Each structure stands twice: as C-alpha cells, then as structure tokens.
C-alpha cells in the first residue's frame, strides 16, 4: 500500500486547500492521520479513528479549520490557509496491532500573497 506520491500545492492566504490522501484496499477499522513536519512529535493536523474525526491530539492552530470530505479515505480540506500554513504535510495509515504507520502521500504546501501584495 505504500505510495511515495509527492504533490506540490500553491495557494493564497484565505484559500481553502484540499489535501488528498487516497487510501484504498484497507481492511478493518480505518485509522489515519495527517501530520505536519514542523509540528512537535505527537501533535497532529488531523486524526480519524473509530469512524469519526478525533480532535484530542489535534494541534490548536488547526482546530475548526480541517474538515473531511464525504469519503474519509480520499480528501480533507484545510480551510482559510495563511502564510504560516506553508510546509510539508504527510498522510499516514495506522495498521496492524503495533499501529505501524504506512505513509500514503506527502504534500508540500506553499501559501503566499499574489505578486504585488505585501
């Protein structure tokens, strides 16, 4: 299931961005998480387990800004992005009794104002 997919996304402040994590052929209960490499270990952008979003480990700066689209194995939205959201995001599937992480994709997000705006 490992997919070394890398995607680059550019956006302007205030845009909504879709982070694509296409996880197919998953058996059993789905547990996946989005991480941002700049966050401290244990802090998450988004966690989905027990068939629902799980906000206990979610970093404060992403609360009320990250939403799942209809199918949790496909896409999530990061809304109202700011320049501070620029960074690298990784989607992982947790599987097995050891909760072994399997990387699905990595997204490099660059948020910057349009040319001529400061």
PDB file of N, CA and C in Angstrom:
ATOM      1  N   UNK A   1       0.811  -1.179   0.000  1.00  0.00           N
ATOM      2  CA  UNK A   1       0.000   0.000   0.000  1.00  0.00           C
ATOM      3  C   UNK A   1       0.860   1.251   0.000  1.00  0.00           C
ATOM      4  N   UNK A   2       2.148   1.147   0.225  1.00  0.00           N
ATOM      5  CA  UNK A   2       2.979   2.327   0.310  1.00  0.00           C
ATOM      6  C   UNK A   2       3.044   3.019  -1.039  1.00  0.00           C
ATOM      7  N   UNK A   3       2.866   4.335  -1.025  1.00  0.00           N
ATOM      8  CA  UNK A   3       2.811   5.138  -2.227  1.00  0.00           C
ATOM      9  C   UNK A   3       3.680   6.353  -1.978  1.00  0.00           C
ATOM     10  N   UNK A   4       4.780   6.472  -2.654  1.00  0.00           N
ATOM     11  CA  UNK A   4       5.699   7.572  -2.423  1.00  0.00           C
ATOM     12  C   UNK A   4       5.265   8.820  -3.173  1.00  0.00           C
ATOM     13  N   UNK A   5       3.972   9.027  -3.298  1.00  0.00           N
ATOM     14  CA  UNK A   5       3.440  10.157  -4.042  1.00  0.00           C
ATOM     15  C   UNK A   5       3.788  11.469  -3.348  1.00  0.00           C
ATOM     16  N   UNK A   6       4.274  12.434  -4.126  1.00  0.00           N
ATOM     17  CA  UNK A   6       4.587  13.771  -3.646  1.00  0.00           C
ATOM     18  C   UNK A   6       3.799  14.750  -4.495  1.00  0.00           C
ATOM     19  N   UNK A   7       3.115  15.683  -3.841  1.00  0.00           N
ATOM     20  CA  UNK A   7       2.312  16.677  -4.539  1.00  0.00           C
ATOM     21  C   UNK A   7       2.707  18.057  -4.039  1.00  0.00           C
ATOM     22  N   UNK A   8       2.790  19.012  -4.957  1.00  0.00           N
ATOM     23  CA  UNK A   8       3.062  20.401  -4.611  1.00  0.00           C
ATOM     24  C   UNK A   8       1.798  21.216  -4.837  1.00  0.00           C
ATOM     25  N   UNK A   9       1.418  22.003  -3.833  1.00  0.00           N
ATOM     26  CA  UNK A   9       0.229  22.847  -3.922  1.00  0.00           C
ATOM     27  C   UNK A   9       0.633  24.267  -3.579  1.00  0.00           C
ATOM     28  N   UNK A  10       0.180  25.221  -4.393  1.00  0.00           N
ATOM     29  CA  UNK A  10       0.372  26.630  -4.072  1.00  0.00           C
ATOM     30  C   UNK A  10      -1.003  27.243  -3.833  1.00  0.00           C
ATOM     31  N   UNK A  11      -1.043  28.180  -2.896  1.00  0.00           N
ATOM     32  CA  UNK A  11      -2.296  28.829  -2.543  1.00  0.00           C
ATOM     33  C   UNK A  11      -2.021  30.246  -2.088  1.00  0.00           C
ATOM     34  N   UNK A  12      -3.090  31.027  -2.008  1.00  0.00           N
ATOM     35  CA  UNK A  12      -3.013  32.378  -1.485  1.00  0.00           C
ATOM     36  C   UNK A  12      -3.690  32.415  -0.128  1.00  0.00           C
ATOM     37  N   UNK A  13      -3.284  33.349   0.743  1.00  0.00           N
ATOM     38  CA  UNK A  13      -3.936  33.456   2.051  1.00  0.00           C
ATOM     39  C   UNK A  13      -5.453  33.569   1.900  1.00  0.00           C
ATOM     40  N   UNK A  14      -6.165  32.826   2.734  1.00  0.00           N
ATOM     41  CA  UNK A  14      -7.635  32.801   2.706  1.00  0.00           C
ATOM     42  C   UNK A  14      -8.224  31.701   1.852  1.00  0.00           C
ATOM     43  N   UNK A  15      -7.409  31.054   1.013  1.00  0.00           N
ATOM     44  CA  UNK A  15      -7.894  29.956   0.166  1.00  0.00           C
ATOM     45  C   UNK A  15      -8.231  28.735   1.010  1.00  0.00           C
ATOM     46  N   UNK A  16      -9.052  27.854   0.463  1.00  0.00           N
ATOM     47  CA  UNK A  16      -9.283  26.525   1.015  1.00  0.00           C
ATOM     48  C   UNK A  16      -8.475  25.554   0.153  1.00  0.00           C
ATOM     49  N   UNK A  17      -7.771  24.634   0.797  1.00  0.00           N
ATOM     50  CA  UNK A  17      -6.891  23.699   0.099  1.00  0.00           C
ATOM     51  C   UNK A  17      -7.367  22.285   0.378  1.00  0.00           C
ATOM     52  N   UNK A  18      -7.402  21.445  -0.655  1.00  0.00           N
ATOM     53  CA  UNK A  18      -7.730  20.040  -0.488  1.00  0.00           C
ATOM     54  C   UNK A  18      -6.452  19.229  -0.391  1.00  0.00           C
ATOM     55  N   UNK A  19      -6.305  18.524   0.726  1.00  0.00           N
ATOM     56  CA  UNK A  19      -5.173  17.617   0.926  1.00  0.00           C
ATOM     57  C   UNK A  19      -5.655  16.216   0.557  1.00  0.00           C
ATOM     58  N   UNK A  20      -5.073  15.642  -0.461  1.00  0.00           N
ATOM     59  CA  UNK A  20      -5.527  14.351  -0.979  1.00  0.00           C
ATOM     60  C   UNK A  20      -4.736  13.212  -0.360  1.00  0.00           C
ATOM     61  N   UNK A  21      -5.460  12.286   0.257  1.00  0.00           N
ATOM     62  CA  UNK A  21      -4.859  11.085   0.833  1.00  0.00           C
ATOM     63  C   UNK A  21      -5.714   9.921   0.362  1.00  0.00           C
ATOM     64  N   UNK A  22      -5.346   9.324  -0.742  1.00  0.00           N
ATOM     65  CA  UNK A  22      -6.154   8.275  -1.356  1.00  0.00           C
ATOM     66  C   UNK A  22      -5.705   6.916  -0.837  1.00  0.00           C
ATOM     67  N   UNK A  23      -6.420   6.434   0.160  1.00  0.00           N
ATOM     68  CA  UNK A  23      -6.084   5.146   0.772  1.00  0.00           C
ATOM     69  C   UNK A  23      -7.119   4.116   0.342  1.00  0.00           C
ATOM     70  N   UNK A  24      -6.693   3.181  -0.477  1.00  0.00           N
ATOM     71  CA  UNK A  24      -7.597   2.145  -0.949  1.00  0.00           C
ATOM     72  C   UNK A  24      -7.139   0.787  -0.444  1.00  0.00           C
ATOM     73  N   UNK A  25      -8.006  -0.191  -0.560  1.00  0.00           N
ATOM     74  CA  UNK A  25      -7.705  -1.567  -0.154  1.00  0.00           C
ATOM     75  C   UNK A  25      -7.306  -1.675   1.310  1.00  0.00           C
ATOM     76  N   UNK A  26      -8.000  -0.961   2.164  1.00  0.00           N
ATOM     77  CA  UNK A  26      -7.726  -1.019   3.595  1.00  0.00           C
ATOM     78  C   UNK A  26      -8.740  -1.954   4.231  1.00  0.00           C
ATOM     79  N   UNK A  27      -8.229  -2.903   4.982  1.00  0.00           N
ATOM     80  CA  UNK A  27      -9.102  -3.850   5.658  1.00  0.00           C
ATOM     81  C   UNK A  27      -9.217  -3.471   7.121  1.00  0.00           C
ATOM     82  N   UNK A  28     -10.370  -3.746   7.713  1.00  0.00           N
ATOM     83  CA  UNK A  28     -10.573  -3.471   9.136  1.00  0.00           C
ATOM     84  C   UNK A  28     -10.885  -2.015   9.386  1.00  0.00           C
ATOM     85  N   UNK A  29     -10.805  -1.608  10.637  1.00  0.00           N
ATOM     86  CA  UNK A  29     -11.102  -0.236  11.014  1.00  0.00           C
ATOM     87  C   UNK A  29     -10.044   0.709  10.466  1.00  0.00           C
ATOM     88  N   UNK A  30     -10.519   1.796   9.904  1.00  0.00           N
ATOM     89  CA  UNK A  30      -9.635   2.780   9.318  1.00  0.00           C
ATOM     90  C   UNK A  30      -9.138   3.744  10.385  1.00  0.00           C
ATOM     91  N   UNK A  31      -7.839   3.896  10.486  1.00  0.00           N
ATOM     92  CA  UNK A  31      -7.216   4.899  11.345  1.00  0.00           C
ATOM     93  C   UNK A  31      -6.174   5.593  10.485  1.00  0.00           C
ATOM     94  N   UNK A  32      -6.355   6.895  10.272  1.00  0.00           N
ATOM     95  CA  UNK A  32      -5.340   7.622   9.534  1.00  0.00           C
ATOM     96  C   UNK A  32      -5.120   8.979  10.156  1.00  0.00           C
ATOM     97  N   UNK A  33      -3.983   9.561   9.846  1.00  0.00           N
ATOM     98  CA  UNK A  33      -3.673  10.867  10.399  1.00  0.00           C
ATOM     99  C   UNK A  33      -2.879  11.691   9.397  1.00  0.00           C
ATOM    100  N   UNK A  34      -3.078  12.993   9.487  1.00  0.00           N
ATOM    101  CA  UNK A  34      -2.282  13.960   8.763  1.00  0.00           C
ATOM    102  C   UNK A  34      -1.342  14.603   9.762  1.00  0.00           C
ATOM    103  N   UNK A  35      -0.069  14.688   9.418  1.00  0.00           N
ATOM    104  CA  UNK A  35       0.933  15.344  10.237  1.00  0.00           C
ATOM    105  C   UNK A  35       1.563  16.465   9.428  1.00  0.00           C
ATOM    106  N   UNK A  36       2.073  17.440  10.136  1.00  0.00           N
ATOM    107  CA  UNK A  36       2.872  18.482   9.505  1.00  0.00           C
ATOM    108  C   UNK A  36       4.274  18.361  10.080  1.00  0.00           C
ATOM    109  N   UNK A  37       5.268  18.309   9.232  1.00  0.00           N
ATOM    110  CA  UNK A  37       6.625  18.033   9.710  1.00  0.00           C
ATOM    111  C   UNK A  37       7.124  19.082  10.692  1.00  0.00           C
ATOM    112  N   UNK A  38       6.601  20.308  10.662  1.00  0.00           N
ATOM    113  CA  UNK A  38       7.059  21.366  11.560  1.00  0.00           C
ATOM    114  C   UNK A  38       6.451  21.273  12.959  1.00  0.00           C
ATOM    115  N   UNK A  39       5.461  20.414  13.156  1.00  0.00           N
ATOM    116  CA  UNK A  39       4.836  20.275  14.473  1.00  0.00           C
ATOM    117  C   UNK A  39       5.697  19.414  15.386  1.00  0.00           C
ATOM    118  N   UNK A  40       5.517  19.588  16.672  1.00  0.00           N
ATOM    119  CA  UNK A  40       6.212  18.769  17.654  1.00  0.00           C
ATOM    120  C   UNK A  40       5.697  17.331  17.556  1.00  0.00           C
ATOM    121  N   UNK A  41       6.535  16.378  17.921  1.00  0.00           N
ATOM    122  CA  UNK A  41       6.131  14.970  17.903  1.00  0.00           C
ATOM    123  C   UNK A  41       4.874  14.791  18.760  1.00  0.00           C
ATOM    124  N   UNK A  42       3.913  14.088  18.240  1.00  0.00           N
ATOM    125  CA  UNK A  42       2.663  13.837  18.956  1.00  0.00           C
ATOM    126  C   UNK A  42       1.565  14.823  18.610  1.00  0.00           C
ATOM    127  N   UNK A  43       1.914  15.973  17.993  1.00  0.00           N
ATOM    128  CA  UNK A  43       0.896  16.930  17.587  1.00  0.00           C
ATOM    129  C   UNK A  43       0.470  16.610  16.164  1.00  0.00           C
ATOM    130  N   UNK A  44      -0.819  16.613  15.926  1.00  0.00           N
ATOM    131  CA  UNK A  44      -1.359  16.192  14.639  1.00  0.00           C
ATOM    132  C   UNK A  44      -2.163  17.315  13.999  1.00  0.00           C
ATOM    133  N   UNK A  45      -2.207  17.275  12.693  1.00  0.00           N
ATOM    134  CA  UNK A  45      -3.076  18.157  11.927  1.00  0.00           C
ATOM    135  C   UNK A  45      -4.503  17.617  11.989  1.00  0.00           C
ATOM    136  N   UNK A  46      -4.635  16.281  11.840  1.00  0.00           N
ATOM    137  CA  UNK A  46      -5.962  15.663  11.818  1.00  0.00           C
ATOM    138  C   UNK A  46      -5.813  14.173  12.092  1.00  0.00           C
ATOM    139  N   UNK A  47      -6.747  13.599  12.857  1.00  0.00           N
ATOM    140  CA  UNK A  47      -6.770  12.164  13.137  1.00  0.00           C
ATOM    141  C   UNK A  47      -8.187  11.663  12.915  1.00  0.00           C
ATOM    142  N   UNK A  48      -8.311  10.510  12.257  1.00  0.00           N
ATOM    143  CA  UNK A  48      -9.605   9.870  12.024  1.00  0.00           C
ATOM    144  C   UNK A  48      -9.524   8.450  12.555  1.00  0.00           C
ATOM    145  N   UNK A  49     -10.368   8.124  13.528  1.00  0.00           N
ATOM    146  CA  UNK A  49     -10.424   6.762  14.067  1.00  0.00           C
ATOM    147  C   UNK A  49     -11.829   6.506  14.596  1.00  0.00           C
ATOM    148  N   UNK A  50     -12.165   5.238  14.740  1.00  0.00           N
ATOM    149  CA  UNK A  50     -13.499   4.840  15.213  1.00  0.00           C
ATOM    150  C   UNK A  50     -14.600   5.483  14.380  1.00  0.00           C
ATOM    151  N   UNK A  51     -14.350   5.568  13.060  1.00  0.00           N
ATOM    152  CA  UNK A  51     -15.317   6.102  12.097  1.00  0.00           C
ATOM    153  C   UNK A  51     -15.698   7.556  12.341  1.00  0.00           C
ATOM    154  N   UNK A  52     -14.784   8.356  12.924  1.00  0.00           N
ATOM    155  CA  UNK A  52     -15.080   9.778  13.140  1.00  0.00           C
ATOM    156  C   UNK A  52     -13.778  10.544  13.352  1.00  0.00           C
ATOM    157  N   UNK A  53     -13.829  11.862  13.126  1.00  0.00           N
ATOM    158  CA  UNK A  53     -12.656  12.684  13.431  1.00  0.00           C
ATOM    159  C   UNK A  53     -12.372  12.645  14.930  1.00  0.00           C
ATOM    160  N   UNK A  54     -11.095  12.677  15.283  1.00  0.00           N
ATOM    161  CA  UNK A  54     -10.663  12.595  16.663  1.00  0.00           C
ATOM    162  C   UNK A  54      -9.811  13.831  16.946  1.00  0.00           C
ATOM    163  N   UNK A  55     -10.280  14.723  17.801  1.00  0.00           N
ATOM    164  CA  UNK A  55      -9.627  16.019  17.977  1.00  0.00           C
ATOM    165  C   UNK A  55      -8.716  16.095  19.196  1.00  0.00           C
ATOM    166  N   UNK A  56      -8.626  15.045  19.995  1.00  0.00           N
ATOM    167  CA  UNK A  56      -7.820  15.092  21.214  1.00  0.00           C
ATOM    168  C   UNK A  56      -6.353  15.433  20.943  1.00  0.00           C
ATOM    169  N   UNK A  57      -5.769  14.889  19.874  1.00  0.00           N
ATOM    170  CA  UNK A  57      -4.353  15.118  19.573  1.00  0.00           C
ATOM    171  C   UNK A  57      -4.140  16.224  18.545  1.00  0.00           C
ATOM    172  N   UNK A  58      -5.208  16.870  18.126  1.00  0.00           N
ATOM    173  CA  UNK A  58      -5.101  17.861  17.071  1.00  0.00           C
ATOM    174  C   UNK A  58      -4.446  19.151  17.587  1.00  0.00           C
ATOM    175  N   UNK A  59      -3.472  19.647  16.813  1.00  0.00           N
ATOM    176  CA  UNK A  59      -2.789  20.889  17.170  1.00  0.00           C
ATOM    177  C   UNK A  59      -3.797  22.040  17.164  1.00  0.00           C
ATOM    178  N   UNK A  60      -3.674  22.920  18.143  1.00  0.00           N
ATOM    179  CA  UNK A  60      -4.627  24.014  18.340  1.00  0.00           C
ATOM    180  C   UNK A  60      -4.804  24.884  17.097  1.00  0.00           C
ATOM    181  N   UNK A  61      -3.725  25.124  16.353  1.00  0.00           N
ATOM    182  CA  UNK A  61      -3.819  26.016  15.192  1.00  0.00           C
ATOM    183  C   UNK A  61      -4.646  25.435  14.046  1.00  0.00           C
ATOM    184  N   UNK A  62      -4.958  24.129  14.105  1.00  0.00           N
ATOM    185  CA  UNK A  62      -5.742  23.514  13.036  1.00  0.00           C
ATOM    186  C   UNK A  62      -7.180  23.203  13.449  1.00  0.00           C
ATOM    187  N   UNK A  63      -7.519  23.398  14.725  1.00  0.00           N
ATOM    188  CA  UNK A  63      -8.886  23.126  15.171  1.00  0.00           C
ATOM    189  C   UNK A  63      -9.856  24.057  14.458  1.00  0.00           C
ATOM    190  N   UNK A  64     -10.988  23.492  14.037  1.00  0.00           N
ATOM    191  CA  UNK A  64     -12.043  24.199  13.314  1.00  0.00           C
ATOM    192  C   UNK A  64     -11.605  24.702  11.936  1.00  0.00           C
ATOM    193  N   UNK A  65     -10.485  24.176  11.422  1.00  0.00           N
ATOM    194  CA  UNK A  65     -10.044  24.542  10.078  1.00  0.00           C
ATOM    195  C   UNK A  65      -9.801  23.329   9.185  1.00  0.00           C
ATOM    196  N   UNK A  66      -9.817  22.122   9.741  1.00  0.00           N
ATOM    197  CA  UNK A  66      -9.581  20.912   8.958  1.00  0.00           C
ATOM    198  C   UNK A  66     -10.859  20.090   8.960  1.00  0.00           C
ATOM    199  N   UNK A  67     -11.337  19.762   7.767  1.00  0.00           N
ATOM    200  CA  UNK A  67     -12.589  19.031   7.623  1.00  0.00           C
ATOM    201  C   UNK A  67     -12.412  17.897   6.633  1.00  0.00           C
ATOM    202  N   UNK A  68     -13.117  16.810   6.864  1.00  0.00           N
ATOM    203  CA  UNK A  68     -13.122  15.700   5.918  1.00  0.00           C
ATOM    204  C   UNK A  68     -14.182  15.924   4.865  1.00  0.00           C
ATOM    205  N   UNK A  69     -13.848  15.526   3.669  1.00  0.00           N
ATOM    206  CA  UNK A  69     -14.886  15.459   2.654  1.00  0.00           C
ATOM    207  C   UNK A  69     -15.682  14.191   2.912  1.00  0.00           C
ATOM    208  N   UNK A  70     -16.635  13.901   2.078  1.00  0.00           N
ATOM    209  CA  UNK A  70     -17.558  12.786   2.312  1.00  0.00           C
ATOM    210  C   UNK A  70     -16.861  11.460   2.563  1.00  0.00           C
ATOM    211  N   UNK A  71     -15.877  11.101   1.768  1.00  0.00           N
ATOM    212  CA  UNK A  71     -15.191   9.818   1.899  1.00  0.00           C
ATOM    213  C   UNK A  71     -13.888  10.012   2.676  1.00  0.00           C
ATOM    214  N   UNK A  72     -13.791   9.470   3.883  1.00  0.00           N
ATOM    215  CA  UNK A  72     -12.602   9.719   4.705  1.00  0.00           C
ATOM    216  C   UNK A  72     -11.310   9.154   4.142  1.00  0.00           C
ATOM    217  N   UNK A  73     -11.381   8.255   3.168  1.00  0.00           N
ATOM    218  CA  UNK A  73     -10.145   7.703   2.616  1.00  0.00           C
ATOM    219  C   UNK A  73      -9.684   8.479   1.390  1.00  0.00           C
ATOM    220  N   UNK A  74     -10.294   9.576   1.101  1.00  0.00           N
ATOM    221  CA  UNK A  74      -9.940  10.319  -0.102  1.00  0.00           C
ATOM    222  C   UNK A  74      -9.331  11.677   0.206  1.00  0.00           C
ATOM    223  N   UNK A  75     -10.122  12.641   0.690  1.00  0.00           N
ATOM    224  CA  UNK A  75      -9.659  14.010   0.782  1.00  0.00           C
ATOM    225  C   UNK A  75     -10.071  14.676   2.079  1.00  0.00           C
ATOM    226  N   UNK A  76      -9.283  15.665   2.447  1.00  0.00           N
ATOM    227  CA  UNK A  76      -9.621  16.531   3.561  1.00  0.00           C
ATOM    228  C   UNK A  76      -9.358  17.964   3.153  1.00  0.00           C
ATOM    229  N   UNK A  77     -10.048  18.882   3.769  1.00  0.00           N
ATOM    230  CA  UNK A  77      -9.871  20.292   3.461  1.00  0.00           C
ATOM    231  C   UNK A  77      -9.186  21.003   4.602  1.00  0.00           C
ATOM    232  N   UNK A  78      -8.250  21.848   4.258  1.00  0.00           N
ATOM    233  CA  UNK A  78      -7.632  22.780   5.183  1.00  0.00           C
ATOM    234  C   UNK A  78      -8.163  24.131   4.757  1.00  0.00           C
ATOM    235  N   UNK A  79      -9.013  24.747   5.577  1.00  0.00           N
ATOM    236  CA  UNK A  79      -9.682  25.964   5.158  1.00  0.00           C
ATOM    237  C   UNK A  79      -8.983  27.208   5.677  1.00  0.00           C
ATOM    238  N   UNK A  80      -9.184  28.287   4.920  1.00  0.00           N
ATOM    239  CA  UNK A  80      -8.694  29.610   5.288  1.00  0.00           C
ATOM    240  C   UNK A  80      -7.199  29.585   5.614  1.00  0.00           C
ATOM    241  N   UNK A  81      -6.397  29.113   4.657  1.00  0.00           N
ATOM    242  CA  UNK A  81      -4.964  28.974   4.900  1.00  0.00           C
ATOM    243  C   UNK A  81      -4.293  30.333   5.072  1.00  0.00           C
ATOM    244  N   UNK A  82      -3.186  30.339   5.803  1.00  0.00           N
ATOM    245  CA  UNK A  82      -2.369  31.537   5.990  1.00  0.00           C
ATOM    246  C   UNK A  82      -0.945  31.219   5.560  1.00  0.00           C
ATOM    247  N   UNK A  83      -0.113  32.244   5.482  1.00  0.00           N
ATOM    248  CA  UNK A  83       1.295  32.043   5.144  1.00  0.00           C
ATOM    249  C   UNK A  83       1.935  31.088   6.146  1.00  0.00           C
ATOM    250  N   UNK A  84       1.471  31.107   7.395  1.00  0.00           N
ATOM    251  CA  UNK A  84       2.014  30.212   8.423  1.00  0.00           C
ATOM    252  C   UNK A  84       1.726  28.742   8.151  1.00  0.00           C
ATOM    253  N   UNK A  85       0.797  28.431   7.250  1.00  0.00           N
ATOM    254  CA  UNK A  85       0.485  27.041   6.911  1.00  0.00           C
ATOM    255  C   UNK A  85       1.459  26.463   5.884  1.00  0.00           C
ATOM    256  N   UNK A  86       2.340  27.283   5.346  1.00  0.00           N
ATOM    257  CA  UNK A  86       3.342  26.790   4.403  1.00  0.00           C
ATOM    258  C   UNK A  86       4.158  25.694   5.086  1.00  0.00           C
ATOM    259  N   UNK A  87       4.302  24.570   4.404  1.00  0.00           N
ATOM    260  CA  UNK A  87       5.083  23.480   4.978  1.00  0.00           C
ATOM    261  C   UNK A  87       4.806  22.162   4.294  1.00  0.00           C
ATOM    262  N   UNK A  88       5.318  21.096   4.890  1.00  0.00           N
ATOM    263  CA  UNK A  88       5.181  19.751   4.361  1.00  0.00           C
ATOM    264  C   UNK A  88       4.190  18.975   5.209  1.00  0.00           C
ATOM    265  N   UNK A  89       3.223  18.349   4.558  1.00  0.00           N
ATOM    266  CA  UNK A  89       2.169  17.579   5.211  1.00  0.00           C
ATOM    267  C   UNK A  89       2.264  16.136   4.758  1.00  0.00           C
ATOM    268  N   UNK A  90       2.066  15.204   5.688  1.00  0.00           N
ATOM    269  CA  UNK A  90       2.154  13.777   5.370  1.00  0.00           C
ATOM    270  C   UNK A  90       0.904  13.058   5.864  1.00  0.00           C
ATOM    271  N   UNK A  91       0.407  12.167   5.023  1.00  0.00           N
ATOM    272  CA  UNK A  91      -0.742  11.346   5.371  1.00  0.00           C
ATOM    273  C   UNK A  91      -0.248   9.941   5.684  1.00  0.00           C
ATOM    274  N   UNK A  92      -0.693   9.401   6.813  1.00  0.00           N
ATOM    275  CA  UNK A  92      -0.319   8.050   7.256  1.00  0.00           C
ATOM    276  C   UNK A  92      -1.563   7.228   7.544  1.00  0.00           C
ATOM    277  N   UNK A  93      -1.456   5.954   7.269  1.00  0.00           N
ATOM    278  CA  UNK A  93      -2.458   4.988   7.687  1.00  0.00           C
ATOM    279  C   UNK A  93      -1.833   4.196   8.822  1.00  0.00           C
ATOM    280  N   UNK A  94      -2.552   4.043   9.931  1.00  0.00           N
ATOM    281  CA  UNK A  94      -2.076   3.232  11.045  1.00  0.00           C
ATOM    282  C   UNK A  94      -2.695   1.866  10.891  1.00  0.00           C
ATOM    283  N   UNK A  95      -1.866   0.821  10.886  1.00  0.00           N
ATOM    284  CA  UNK A  95      -2.410  -0.515  10.698  1.00  0.00           C
ATOM    285  C   UNK A  95      -1.635  -1.522  11.522  1.00  0.00           C
ATOM    286  N   UNK A  96      -2.255  -2.628  11.739  1.00  0.00           N
ATOM    287  CA  UNK A  96      -1.618  -3.699  12.490  1.00  0.00           C
ATOM    288  C   UNK A  96      -1.714  -3.481  13.987  1.00  0.00           C
ATOM    289  N   UNK A  97      -1.455  -4.522  14.736  1.00  0.00           N
ATOM    290  CA  UNK A  97      -1.566  -4.445  16.186  1.00  0.00           C
ATOM    291  C   UNK A  97      -0.520  -3.513  16.786  1.00  0.00           C
ATOM    292  N   UNK A  98       0.567  -3.248  16.045  1.00  0.00           N
ATOM    293  CA  UNK A  98       1.597  -2.344  16.543  1.00  0.00           C
ATOM    294  C   UNK A  98       1.319  -0.908  16.136  1.00  0.00           C
ATOM    295  N   UNK A  99       0.156  -0.649  15.465  1.00  0.00           N
ATOM    296  CA  UNK A  99      -0.152   0.668  14.925  1.00  0.00           C
ATOM    297  C   UNK A  99       0.995   1.186  14.062  1.00  0.00           C
ATOM    298  N   UNK A 100       1.504   0.310  13.213  1.00  0.00           N
ATOM    299  CA  UNK A 100       2.596   0.666  12.312  1.00  0.00           C
ATOM    300  C   UNK A 100       2.097   1.702  11.300  1.00  0.00           C
ATOM    301  N   UNK A 101       2.843   2.791  11.154  1.00  0.00           N
ATOM    302  CA  UNK A 101       2.480   3.851  10.218  1.00  0.00           C
ATOM    303  C   UNK A 101       2.932   3.486   8.812  1.00  0.00           C
ATOM    304  N   UNK A 102       2.044   3.663   7.847  1.00  0.00           N
ATOM    305  CA  UNK A 102       2.367   3.489   6.452  1.00  0.00           C
ATOM    306  C   UNK A 102       2.096   4.806   5.752  1.00  0.00           C
ATOM    307  N   UNK A 103       3.124   5.400   5.185  1.00  0.00           N
ATOM    308  CA  UNK A 103       2.978   6.675   4.503  1.00  0.00           C
ATOM    309  C   UNK A 103       2.202   6.485   3.206  1.00  0.00           C
ATOM    310  N   UNK A 104       1.226   7.353   2.985  1.00  0.00           N
ATOM    311  CA  UNK A 104       0.426   7.297   1.768  1.00  0.00           C
ATOM    312  C   UNK A 104       0.874   8.383   0.796  1.00  0.00           C
ATOM    313  N   UNK A 105       1.056   9.604   1.308  1.00  0.00           N
ATOM    314  CA  UNK A 105       1.487  10.681   0.435  1.00  0.00           C
ATOM    315  C   UNK A 105       2.091  11.830   1.240  1.00  0.00           C
ATOM    316  N   UNK A 106       2.799  12.685   0.535  1.00  0.00           N
ATOM    317  CA  UNK A 106       3.385  13.883   1.107  1.00  0.00           C
ATOM    318  C   UNK A 106       2.984  15.060   0.233  1.00  0.00           C
ATOM    319  N   UNK A 107       2.591  16.152   0.883  1.00  0.00           N
ATOM    320  CA  UNK A 107       2.196  17.362   0.160  1.00  0.00           C
ATOM    321  C   UNK A 107       3.034  18.525   0.656  1.00  0.00           C
ATOM    322  N   UNK A 108       3.652  19.221  -0.289  1.00  0.00           N
ATOM    323  CA  UNK A 108       4.355  20.462   0.017  1.00  0.00           C
ATOM    324  C   UNK A 108       3.399  21.607  -0.306  1.00  0.00           C
ATOM    325  N   UNK A 109       3.020  22.367   0.706  1.00  0.00           N
ATOM    326  CA  UNK A 109       2.089  23.476   0.546  1.00  0.00           C
ATOM    327  C   UNK A 109       2.839  24.784   0.686  1.00  0.00           C
ATOM    328  N   UNK A 110       2.675  25.657  -0.315  1.00  0.00           N
ATOM    329  CA  UNK A 110       3.253  26.991  -0.236  1.00  0.00           C
ATOM    330  C   UNK A 110       2.123  28.003  -0.310  1.00  0.00           C
ATOM    331  N   UNK A 111       1.997  28.808   0.740  1.00  0.00           N
ATOM    332  CA  UNK A 111       0.971  29.853   0.786  1.00  0.00           C
ATOM    333  C   UNK A 111       1.681  31.191   0.752  1.00  0.00           C
ATOM    334  N   UNK A 112       1.390  31.972  -0.287  1.00  0.00           N
ATOM    335  CA  UNK A 112       1.998  33.292  -0.396  1.00  0.00           C
ATOM    336  C   UNK A 112       1.021  34.243  -1.077  1.00  0.00           C
ATOM    337  N   UNK A 113       1.121  35.537  -0.732  1.00  0.00           N
ATOM    338  CA  UNK A 113       0.233  36.514  -1.343  1.00  0.00           C
ATOM    339  C   UNK A 113       0.488  36.623  -2.844  1.00  0.00           C
ATOM    340  N   UNK A 114      -0.518  37.071  -3.601  1.00  0.00           N
ATOM    341  CA  UNK A 114      -0.304  37.238  -5.030  1.00  0.00           C
ATOM    342  C   UNK A 114       0.797  38.273  -5.298  1.00  0.00           C
ATOM    343  N   UNK A 115       1.461  38.208  -6.450  1.00  0.00           N
ATOM    344  CA  UNK A 115       2.517  39.170  -6.762  1.00  0.00           C
ATOM    345  C   UNK A 115       2.001  40.607  -6.635  1.00  0.00           C
ATOM    346  N   UNK A 116       2.827  41.459  -6.040  1.00  0.00           N
ATOM    347  CA  UNK A 116       2.444  42.856  -5.870  1.00  0.00           C
ATOM    348  C   UNK A 116       1.787  43.161  -4.547  1.00  0.00           C
ATOM    349  N   UNK A 117       1.381  42.122  -3.787  1.00  0.00           N
ATOM    350  CA  UNK A 117       0.781  42.336  -2.474  1.00  0.00           C
ATOM    351  C   UNK A 117       1.801  42.011  -1.398  1.00  0.00           C
ATOM    352  N   UNK A 118       1.796  42.776  -0.344  1.00  0.00           N
ATOM    353  CA  UNK A 118       2.774  42.559   0.730  1.00  0.00           C
ATOM    354  C   UNK A 118       2.096  42.336   2.020  1.00  0.00           C
TER     355      UNK A 118
END
